[in-house]
C-alpha atoms as a PDB file:
ATOM      1  CA  MET A   1      -3.345 -10.270 -22.652  1.00  0.00           C
ATOM      2  CA  ALA A   2      -1.480 -12.787 -20.479  1.00  0.00           C
ATOM      3  CA  TYR A   3       1.426 -10.373 -20.265  1.00  0.00           C
ATOM      4  CA  ASN A   4      -0.868  -7.675 -18.843  1.00  0.00           C
ATOM      5  CA  LEU A   5      -2.295 -10.065 -16.255  1.00  0.00           C
ATOM      6  CA  VAL A   6       1.191 -11.010 -15.099  1.00  0.00           C
ATOM      7  CA  LYS A   7       2.235  -7.353 -15.045  1.00  0.00           C
ATOM      8  CA  GLU A   8      -0.806  -6.440 -12.930  1.00  0.00           C
ATOM      9  CA  GLU A   9      -0.175  -9.320 -10.523  1.00  0.00           C
ATOM     10  CA  VAL A  10       3.464  -8.295 -10.121  1.00  0.00           C
ATOM     11  CA  PHE A  11       2.361  -4.728  -9.342  1.00  0.00           C
ATOM     12  CA  ALA A  12      -0.193  -5.967  -6.793  1.00  0.00           C
ATOM     13  CA  GLN A  13       2.405  -8.109  -5.011  1.00  0.00           C
ATOM     14  CA  GLN A  14       4.987  -5.310  -4.984  1.00  0.00           C
ATOM     15  CA  ALA A  15       2.395  -2.842  -3.682  1.00  0.00           C
ATOM     16  CA  LYS A  16       1.409  -5.209  -0.873  1.00  0.00           C
ATOM     17  CA  SER A  17       5.065  -5.752   0.053  1.00  0.00           C
ATOM     18  CA  PHE A  18       5.593  -1.979   0.060  1.00  0.00           C
ATOM     19  CA  VAL A  19       2.687  -1.403   2.440  1.00  0.00           C
ATOM     20  CA  ILE A  20       3.812  -4.176   4.792  1.00  0.00           C
ATOM     21  CA  LYS A  21       7.368  -2.814   4.856  1.00  0.00           C
ATOM     22  CA  GLU A  22       6.713   0.934   4.980  1.00  0.00           C
ATOM     23  CA  PHE A  23       3.609   1.144   7.170  1.00  0.00           C
ATOM     24  CA  LYS A  24       5.042  -0.362  10.353  1.00  0.00           C
ATOM     25  CA  PHE A  25       4.280   1.954  13.236  1.00  0.00           C
ATOM     26  CA  ASP A  26       4.040   1.280  16.960  1.00  0.00           C
ATOM     27  CA  GLU A  27       0.494   2.525  17.452  1.00  0.00           C
ATOM     28  CA  THR A  28      -0.925   2.693  13.927  1.00  0.00           C
ATOM     29  CA  TYR A  29      -2.160  -0.236  11.849  1.00  0.00           C
ATOM     30  CA  TYR A  30      -3.726  -0.643   8.446  1.00  0.00           C
ATOM     31  CA  THR A  31      -7.174  -2.209   8.450  1.00  0.00           C
ATOM     32  CA  ASN A  32      -8.011  -2.194   4.777  1.00  0.00           C
ATOM     33  CA  LEU A  33      -5.809  -2.429   1.710  1.00  0.00           C
ATOM     34  CA  GLU A  34      -7.143  -2.000  -1.808  1.00  0.00           C
ATOM     35  CA  ILE A  35      -4.788  -2.272  -4.765  1.00  0.00           C
ATOM     36  CA  ASP A  36      -5.879  -1.442  -8.306  1.00  0.00           C
ATOM     37  CA  PRO A  37      -3.109  -2.554 -10.671  1.00  0.00           C
ATOM     38  CA  LYS A  38      -4.791  -1.083 -13.752  1.00  0.00           C
ATOM     39  CA  SER A  39      -4.725   2.464 -12.388  1.00  0.00           C
ATOM     40  CA  LYS A  40      -1.665   1.770 -10.172  1.00  0.00           C
ATOM     41  CA  LYS A  41      -3.622   3.016  -7.168  1.00  0.00           C
ATOM     42  CA  ILE A  42      -3.197   1.940  -3.547  1.00  0.00           C
ATOM     43  CA  GLU A  43      -5.850   2.832  -0.970  1.00  0.00           C
ATOM     44  CA  LEU A  44      -5.059   2.231   2.654  1.00  0.00           C
ATOM     45  CA  SER A  45      -7.192   2.680   5.763  1.00  0.00           C
ATOM     46  CA  LEU A  46      -5.292   3.262   8.984  1.00  0.00           C
ATOM     47  CA  ILE A  47      -6.400   3.206  12.609  1.00  0.00           C
ATOM     48  CA  GLY A  48      -4.567   4.259  15.727  1.00  0.00           C
ATOM     49  CA  LYS A  49      -2.217   7.126  16.446  1.00  0.00           C
ATOM     50  CA  SER A  50      -2.074   9.867  13.801  1.00  0.00           C
ATOM     51  CA  ILE A  51       0.900   9.843  11.465  1.00  0.00           C
ATOM     52  CA  SER A  52       2.638  13.159  10.905  1.00  0.00           C
ATOM     53  CA  LYS A  53       2.525  14.780   7.489  1.00  0.00           C
ATOM     54  CA  SER A  54       6.322  14.690   7.262  1.00  0.00           C
ATOM     55  CA  THR A  55       6.325  10.929   7.878  1.00  0.00           C
ATOM     56  CA  LEU A  56       3.721  10.370   5.184  1.00  0.00           C
ATOM     57  CA  GLU A  57       5.657  12.528   2.742  1.00  0.00           C
ATOM     58  CA  ALA A  58       8.817  10.531   3.471  1.00  0.00           C
ATOM     59  CA  ILE A  59       7.054   7.290   2.557  1.00  0.00           C
END
């Protein structure tokens, strides 16, 4: 049980670091970040200039 909590917390911290590092754009910012370690899902709301599909695929 404690192992799973630590594992989930590590995932959450790594996911947050990933978003901070990879989603740096001049005119686009994230406004909401939801991380679900159990399902390994990251939901991100962005505002500003649209990001091209090729850029998103590269991330």
